[in-house]
PDB file of N, CA and C in Angstrom:
ATOM      1  N   MET A   1      83.745 114.435  91.361  1.00  0.00           N
ATOM      2  CA  MET A   1      84.343 113.960  92.587  1.00  0.00           C
ATOM      3  C   MET A   1      83.488 114.257  93.768  1.00  0.00           C
ATOM      4  N   GLY A   2      82.579 115.263  93.695  1.00  0.00           N
ATOM      5  CA  GLY A   2      81.678 115.444  94.701  1.00  0.00           C
ATOM      6  C   GLY A   2      82.280 116.438  95.726  1.00  0.00           C
ATOM      7  N   GLU A   3      81.777 116.312  96.997  1.00  0.00           N
ATOM      8  CA  GLU A   3      82.191 117.241  98.124  1.00  0.00           C
ATOM      9  C   GLU A   3      83.662 116.955  98.372  1.00  0.00           C
ATOM     10  N   HIS A   4      84.270 117.931  99.076  1.00  0.00           N
ATOM     11  CA  HIS A   4      85.609 117.804  99.501  1.00  0.00           C
ATOM     12  C   HIS A   4      85.693 118.178 100.968  1.00  0.00           C
ATOM     13  N   ALA A   5      86.715 117.639 101.677  1.00  0.00           N
ATOM     14  CA  ALA A   5      87.026 117.962 103.028  1.00  0.00           C
ATOM     15  C   ALA A   5      88.463 118.490 102.990  1.00  0.00           C
ATOM     16  N   THR A   6      88.719 119.325 103.924  1.00  0.00           N
ATOM     17  CA  THR A   6      90.121 119.771 104.061  1.00  0.00           C
ATOM     18  C   THR A   6      90.862 119.115 105.194  1.00  0.00           C
ATOM     19  N   VAL A   7      91.996 118.662 104.919  1.00  0.00           N
ATOM     20  CA  VAL A   7      92.908 118.082 105.848  1.00  0.00           C
ATOM     21  C   VAL A   7      94.157 118.878 106.011  1.00  0.00           C
ATOM     22  N   THR A   8      94.845 118.807 107.135  1.00  0.00           N
ATOM     23  CA  THR A   8      95.985 119.579 107.342  1.00  0.00           C
ATOM     24  C   THR A   8      97.017 118.787 107.950  1.00  0.00           C
ATOM     25  N   ALA A   9      98.254 118.962 107.633  1.00  0.00           N
ATOM     26  CA  ALA A   9      99.395 118.258 108.186  1.00  0.00           C
ATOM     27  C   ALA A   9     100.572 119.254 108.306  1.00  0.00           C
ATOM     28  N   LYS A  10     101.266 119.065 109.400  1.00  0.00           N
ATOM     29  CA  LYS A  10     102.481 119.950 109.659  1.00  0.00           C
ATOM     30  C   LYS A  10     103.686 119.161 109.159  1.00  0.00           C
ATOM     31  N   ILE A  11     104.403 119.872 108.204  1.00  0.00           N
ATOM     32  CA  ILE A  11     105.689 119.319 107.718  1.00  0.00           C
ATOM     33  C   ILE A  11     106.801 120.331 108.009  1.00  0.00           C
ATOM     34  N   PRO A  12     108.040 119.830 108.018  1.00  0.00           N
ATOM     35  CA  PRO A  12     109.070 120.788 108.185  1.00  0.00           C
ATOM     36  C   PRO A  12     109.189 121.837 107.021  1.00  0.00           C
ATOM     37  N   VAL A  13     109.480 122.992 107.389  1.00  0.00           N
ATOM     38  CA  VAL A  13     109.505 124.119 106.344  1.00  0.00           C
ATOM     39  C   VAL A  13     110.545 123.712 105.289  1.00  0.00           C
ATOM     40  N   GLU A  14     111.621 123.129 105.654  1.00  0.00           N
ATOM     41  CA  GLU A  14     112.580 122.742 104.632  1.00  0.00           C
ATOM     42  C   GLU A  14     112.003 121.746 103.549  1.00  0.00           C
ATOM     43  N   LEU A  15     111.166 120.807 103.986  1.00  0.00           N
ATOM     44  CA  LEU A  15     110.547 119.917 103.116  1.00  0.00           C
ATOM     45  C   LEU A  15     109.533 120.599 102.242  1.00  0.00           C
ATOM     46  N   LYS A  16     108.787 121.463 102.801  1.00  0.00           N
ATOM     47  CA  LYS A  16     107.850 122.367 101.977  1.00  0.00           C
ATOM     48  C   LYS A  16     108.565 123.093 100.860  1.00  0.00           C
ATOM     49  N   GLU A  17     109.701 123.622 101.243  1.00  0.00           N
ATOM     50  CA  GLU A  17     110.484 124.465 100.220  1.00  0.00           C
ATOM     51  C   GLU A  17     111.059 123.521  99.192  1.00  0.00           C
ATOM     52  N   ARG A  18     111.590 122.380  99.584  1.00  0.00           N
ATOM     53  CA  ARG A  18     112.115 121.478  98.641  1.00  0.00           C
ATOM     54  C   ARG A  18     111.033 120.974  97.575  1.00  0.00           C
ATOM     55  N   LEU A  19     109.858 120.624  98.121  1.00  0.00           N
ATOM     56  CA  LEU A  19     108.781 120.253  97.229  1.00  0.00           C
ATOM     57  C   LEU A  19     108.377 121.347  96.328  1.00  0.00           C
ATOM     58  N   LYS A  20     108.295 122.585  96.887  1.00  0.00           N
ATOM     59  CA  LYS A  20     107.996 123.744  96.025  1.00  0.00           C
ATOM     60  C   LYS A  20     108.995 123.927  94.886  1.00  0.00           C
ATOM     61  N   ASN A  21     110.320 123.878  95.254  1.00  0.00           N
ATOM     62  CA  ASN A  21     111.440 124.013  94.288  1.00  0.00           C
ATOM     63  C   ASN A  21     111.325 122.884  93.232  1.00  0.00           C
ATOM     64  N   LEU A  22     110.869 121.681  93.560  1.00  0.00           N
ATOM     65  CA  LEU A  22     110.801 120.638  92.651  1.00  0.00           C
ATOM     66  C   LEU A  22     109.504 120.672  91.843  1.00  0.00           C
ATOM     67  N   GLY A  23     108.659 121.638  92.087  1.00  0.00           N
ATOM     68  CA  GLY A  23     107.491 121.741  91.316  1.00  0.00           C
ATOM     69  C   GLY A  23     106.403 120.678  91.721  1.00  0.00           C
ATOM     70  N   VAL A  24     106.452 120.173  92.835  1.00  0.00           N
ATOM     71  CA  VAL A  24     105.518 119.198  93.313  1.00  0.00           C
ATOM     72  C   VAL A  24     104.091 119.821  93.655  1.00  0.00           C
ATOM     73  N   ASN A  25     103.120 119.230  93.137  1.00  0.00           N
ATOM     74  CA  ASN A  25     101.688 119.654  93.498  1.00  0.00           C
ATOM     75  C   ASN A  25     101.367 118.859  94.780  1.00  0.00           C
ATOM     76  N   VAL A  26     101.525 119.499  95.930  1.00  0.00           N
ATOM     77  CA  VAL A  26     101.381 118.793  97.187  1.00  0.00           C
ATOM     78  C   VAL A  26     100.028 118.346  97.370  1.00  0.00           C
ATOM     79  N   SER A  27      99.046 119.158  97.019  1.00  0.00           N
ATOM     80  CA  SER A  27      97.684 118.747  97.157  1.00  0.00           C
ATOM     81  C   SER A  27      97.347 117.423  96.415  1.00  0.00           C
ATOM     82  N   ARG A  28      97.835 117.360  95.147  1.00  0.00           N
ATOM     83  CA  ARG A  28      97.630 116.183  94.275  1.00  0.00           C
ATOM     84  C   ARG A  28      98.370 114.966  94.900  1.00  0.00           C
ATOM     85  N   LEU A  29      99.583 115.267  95.327  1.00  0.00           N
ATOM     86  CA  LEU A  29     100.352 114.149  95.909  1.00  0.00           C
ATOM     87  C   LEU A  29      99.698 113.587  97.139  1.00  0.00           C
ATOM     88  N   ILE A  30      99.183 114.421  97.980  1.00  0.00           N
ATOM     89  CA  ILE A  30      98.477 113.905  99.155  1.00  0.00           C
ATOM     90  C   ILE A  30      97.259 113.199  98.817  1.00  0.00           C
ATOM     91  N   ARG A  31      96.420 113.673  97.858  1.00  0.00           N
ATOM     92  CA  ARG A  31      95.185 113.019  97.477  1.00  0.00           C
ATOM     93  C   ARG A  31      95.586 111.566  96.846  1.00  0.00           C
ATOM     94  N   GLU A  32      96.579 111.474  96.069  1.00  0.00           N
ATOM     95  CA  GLU A  32      96.995 110.269  95.469  1.00  0.00           C
ATOM     96  C   GLU A  32      97.473 109.268  96.501  1.00  0.00           C
ATOM     97  N   ALA A  33      98.266 109.821  97.425  1.00  0.00           N
ATOM     98  CA  ALA A  33      98.873 108.900  98.481  1.00  0.00           C
ATOM     99  C   ALA A  33      97.650 108.389  99.423  1.00  0.00           C
ATOM    100  N   LEU A  34      96.755 109.201  99.767  1.00  0.00           N
ATOM    101  CA  LEU A  34      95.660 108.783 100.564  1.00  0.00           C
ATOM    102  C   LEU A  34      94.782 107.815  99.896  1.00  0.00           C
ATOM    103  N   GLU A  35      94.556 107.980  98.534  1.00  0.00           N
ATOM    104  CA  GLU A  35      93.792 107.080  97.750  1.00  0.00           C
ATOM    105  C   GLU A  35      94.484 105.729  97.690  1.00  0.00           C
ATOM    106  N   LEU A  36      95.709 105.637  97.458  1.00  0.00           N
ATOM    107  CA  LEU A  36      96.485 104.472  97.445  1.00  0.00           C
ATOM    108  C   LEU A  36      96.444 103.685  98.742  1.00  0.00           C
ATOM    109  N   GLU A  37      96.584 104.461  99.815  1.00  0.00           N
ATOM    110  CA  GLU A  37      96.537 103.820 101.180  1.00  0.00           C
ATOM    111  C   GLU A  37      95.120 103.233 101.480  1.00  0.00           C
ATOM    112  N   ALA A  38      94.049 103.943 101.097  1.00  0.00           N
ATOM    113  CA  ALA A  38      92.739 103.558 101.283  1.00  0.00           C
ATOM    114  C   ALA A  38      92.484 102.232 100.467  1.00  0.00           C
ATOM    115  N   ASN A  39      92.991 102.203  99.235  1.00  0.00           N
ATOM    116  CA  ASN A  39      92.854 101.028  98.365  1.00  0.00           C
ATOM    117  C   ASN A  39      93.641  99.863  99.013  1.00  0.00           C
ATOM    118  N   ARG A  40      94.786 100.027  99.466  1.00  0.00           N
ATOM    119  CA  ARG A  40      95.634  99.005 100.064  1.00  0.00           C
ATOM    120  C   ARG A  40      94.967  98.411 101.319  1.00  0.00           C
ATOM    121  N   LEU A  41      94.424  99.268 102.207  1.00  0.00           N
ATOM    122  CA  LEU A  41      93.779  98.886 103.427  1.00  0.00           C
ATOM    123  C   LEU A  41      92.458  98.074 103.079  1.00  0.00           C
ATOM    124  N   GLU A  42      91.729  98.598 102.106  1.00  0.00           N
ATOM    125  CA  GLU A  42      90.547  97.832 101.690  1.00  0.00           C
ATOM    126  C   GLU A  42      90.887  96.473 101.119  1.00  0.00           C
ATOM    127  N   GLY A  43      91.880  96.378 100.426  1.00  0.00           N
ATOM    128  CA  GLY A  43      92.341  95.158  99.827  1.00  0.00           C
ATOM    129  C   GLY A  43      92.678  94.104 100.909  1.00  0.00           C
ATOM    130  N   GLU A  44      93.462  94.629 101.883  1.00  0.00           N
ATOM    131  CA  GLU A  44      93.807  93.782 103.038  1.00  0.00           C
ATOM    132  C   GLU A  44      92.575  93.311 103.725  1.00  0.00           C
ATOM    133  N   ARG A  45      91.691  94.178 103.950  1.00  0.00           N
ATOM    134  CA  ARG A  45      90.399  93.834 104.643  1.00  0.00           C
ATOM    135  C   ARG A  45      89.648  92.730 103.875  1.00  0.00           C
ATOM    136  N   ILE A  46      89.626  92.835 102.520  1.00  0.00           N
ATOM    137  CA  ILE A  46      88.895  91.901 101.727  1.00  0.00           C
ATOM    138  C   ILE A  46      89.673  90.545 101.774  1.00  0.00           C
ATOM    139  N   ARG A  47      90.951  90.579 101.750  1.00  0.00           N
ATOM    140  CA  ARG A  47      91.779  89.285 101.785  1.00  0.00           C
ATOM    141  C   ARG A  47      91.454  88.611 103.159  1.00  0.00           C
ATOM    142  N   ARG A  48      91.484  89.488 104.188  1.00  0.00           N
ATOM    143  CA  ARG A  48      91.270  88.848 105.602  1.00  0.00           C
ATOM    144  C   ARG A  48      89.887  88.194 105.661  1.00  0.00           C
ATOM    145  N   LEU A  49      88.855  88.956 105.127  1.00  0.00           N
ATOM    146  CA  LEU A  49      87.480  88.401 105.188  1.00  0.00           C
ATOM    147  C   LEU A  49      87.373  87.078 104.280  1.00  0.00           C
ATOM    148  N   ALA A  50      88.066  87.153 103.165  1.00  0.00           N
ATOM    149  CA  ALA A  50      88.047  85.928 102.255  1.00  0.00           C
ATOM    150  C   ALA A  50      88.711  84.713 102.972  1.00  0.00           C
ATOM    151  N   GLU A  51      89.879  84.945 103.728  1.00  0.00           N
ATOM    152  CA  GLU A  51      90.449  83.902 104.508  1.00  0.00           C
ATOM    153  C   GLU A  51      89.547  83.367 105.549  1.00  0.00           C
ATOM    154  N   GLU A  52      88.953  84.237 106.282  1.00  0.00           N
ATOM    155  CA  GLU A  52      87.925  83.847 107.297  1.00  0.00           C
ATOM    156  C   GLU A  52      86.800  83.085 106.736  1.00  0.00           C
ATOM    157  N   ALA A  53      86.243  83.392 105.543  1.00  0.00           N
ATOM    158  CA  ALA A  53      85.218  82.751 104.936  1.00  0.00           C
ATOM    159  C   ALA A  53      85.740  81.379 104.451  1.00  0.00           C
ATOM    160  N   GLY A  54      86.895  81.271 103.981  1.00  0.00           N
ATOM    161  CA  GLY A  54      87.471  80.082 103.584  1.00  0.00           C
ATOM    162  C   GLY A  54      87.544  79.014 104.711  1.00  0.00           C
ATOM    163  N   GLU A  55      88.052  79.587 105.943  1.00  0.00           N
ATOM    164  CA  GLU A  55      88.161  78.738 107.056  1.00  0.00           C
ATOM    165  C   GLU A  55      86.847  78.140 107.475  1.00  0.00           C
ATOM    166  N   ILE A  56      85.826  79.000 107.426  1.00  0.00           N
ATOM    167  CA  ILE A  56      84.447  78.553 107.769  1.00  0.00           C
ATOM    168  C   ILE A  56      84.002  77.493 106.794  1.00  0.00           C
ATOM    169  N   LEU A  57      84.127  77.732 105.504  1.00  0.00           N
ATOM    170  CA  LEU A  57      83.647  76.894 104.513  1.00  0.00           C
ATOM    171  C   LEU A  57      84.348  75.494 104.561  1.00  0.00           C
ATOM    172  N   GLN A  58      85.678  75.463 104.968  1.00  0.00           N
ATOM    173  CA  GLN A  58      86.332  74.226 105.119  1.00  0.00           C
ATOM    174  C   GLN A  58      85.744  73.344 106.157  1.00  0.00           C
ATOM    175  N   LYS A  59      84.998  73.882 107.143  1.00  0.00           N
ATOM    176  CA  LYS A  59      84.364  73.156 108.195  1.00  0.00           C
ATOM    177  C   LYS A  59      83.126  72.458 107.743  1.00  0.00           C
ATOM    178  N   ILE A  60      82.638  72.833 106.566  1.00  0.00           N
ATOM    179  CA  ILE A  60      81.338  72.269 106.057  1.00  0.00           C
ATOM    180  C   ILE A  60      81.650  71.193 105.059  1.00  0.00           C
ATOM    181  N   SER A  61      81.005  70.058 105.169  1.00  0.00           N
ATOM    182  CA  SER A  61      81.236  68.934 104.265  1.00  0.00           C
ATOM    183  C   SER A  61      80.707  69.247 102.919  1.00  0.00           C
ATOM    184  N   ALA A  62      81.161  68.662 101.871  1.00  0.00           N
ATOM    185  CA  ALA A  62      80.758  68.782 100.577  1.00  0.00           C
ATOM    186  C   ALA A  62      79.265  68.444 100.398  1.00  0.00           C
ATOM    187  N   GLU A  63      78.799  67.440 101.105  1.00  0.00           N
ATOM    188  CA  GLU A  63      77.424  67.099 101.042  1.00  0.00           C
ATOM    189  C   GLU A  63      76.503  68.168 101.635  1.00  0.00           C
ATOM    190  N   GLU A  64      76.949  68.761 102.686  1.00  0.00           N
ATOM    191  CA  GLU A  64      76.160  69.820 103.282  1.00  0.00           C
ATOM    192  C   GLU A  64      76.069  71.101 102.327  1.00  0.00           C
ATOM    193  N   LEU A  65      77.149  71.371 101.605  1.00  0.00           N
ATOM    194  CA  LEU A  65      77.150  72.374 100.595  1.00  0.00           C
ATOM    195  C   LEU A  65      76.299  72.168  99.496  1.00  0.00           C
ATOM    196  N   VAL A  66      76.369  70.914  98.965  1.00  0.00           N
ATOM    197  CA  VAL A  66      75.415  70.490  97.898  1.00  0.00           C
ATOM    198  C   VAL A  66      74.005  70.642  98.282  1.00  0.00           C
ATOM    199  N   GLU A  67      73.637  70.166  99.458  1.00  0.00           N
ATOM    200  CA  GLU A  67      72.276  70.301  99.990  1.00  0.00           C
ATOM    201  C   GLU A  67      71.883  71.731 100.131  1.00  0.00           C
ATOM    202  N   ALA A  68      72.731  72.628 100.601  1.00  0.00           N
ATOM    203  CA  ALA A  68      72.414  74.043 100.817  1.00  0.00           C
ATOM    204  C   ALA A  68      72.163  74.619  99.402  1.00  0.00           C
ATOM    205  N   VAL A  69      72.913  74.298  98.393  1.00  0.00           N
ATOM    206  CA  VAL A  69      72.720  74.843  97.053  1.00  0.00           C
ATOM    207  C   VAL A  69      71.362  74.395  96.545  1.00  0.00           C
ATOM    208  N   ARG A  70      71.202  73.034  96.691  1.00  0.00           N
ATOM    209  CA  ARG A  70      69.905  72.457  96.209  1.00  0.00           C
ATOM    210  C   ARG A  70      68.709  73.177  96.876  1.00  0.00           C
ATOM    211  N   LEU A  71      68.708  73.389  98.122  1.00  0.00           N
ATOM    212  CA  LEU A  71      67.578  74.016  98.788  1.00  0.00           C
ATOM    213  C   LEU A  71      67.413  75.512  98.380  1.00  0.00           C
ATOM    214  N   GLY A  72      68.584  76.174  98.075  1.00  0.00           N
ATOM    215  CA  GLY A  72      68.461  77.507  97.639  1.00  0.00           C
ATOM    216  C   GLY A  72      67.863  77.581  96.241  1.00  0.00           C
ATOM    217  N   ARG A  73      68.130  76.590  95.415  1.00  0.00           N
ATOM    218  CA  ARG A  73      67.620  76.641  94.056  1.00  0.00           C
ATOM    219  C   ARG A  73      66.082  76.248  94.097  1.00  0.00           C
ATOM    220  N   GLU A  74      65.692  75.358  94.950  1.00  0.00           N
ATOM    221  CA  GLU A  74      64.248  75.023  95.158  1.00  0.00           C
ATOM    222  C   GLU A  74      63.476  76.179  95.717  1.00  0.00           C
ATOM    223  N   GLY A  75      64.132  77.090  96.474  1.00  0.00           N
ATOM    224  CA  GLY A  75      63.420  78.177  97.164  1.00  0.00           C
ATOM    225  C   GLY A  75      63.114  79.254  96.126  1.00  0.00           C
ATOM    226  N   ARG A  76      63.672  79.292  94.936  1.00  0.00           N
ATOM    227  CA  ARG A  76      63.468  80.401  94.008  1.00  0.00           C
ATOM    228  C   ARG A  76      62.164  80.223  93.405  1.00  0.00           C
TER     229      ARG A  76
END
């Protein structure tokens, strides 16, 4: 996993005790929650960029796309 950074958060004492009594590994829970959130945000960003790319591509005619592909192939 490589290097690690420490993050801190303040939570109510009662919540910390409840989690401890339930046997929750808080460090693991936080890591997993942060990983899920990072994945969700990255997915949103990719979807947004794909939508923007689609909007741009819709403005280009089929003939222009075919010509661009043809020029790209000839350039190799």
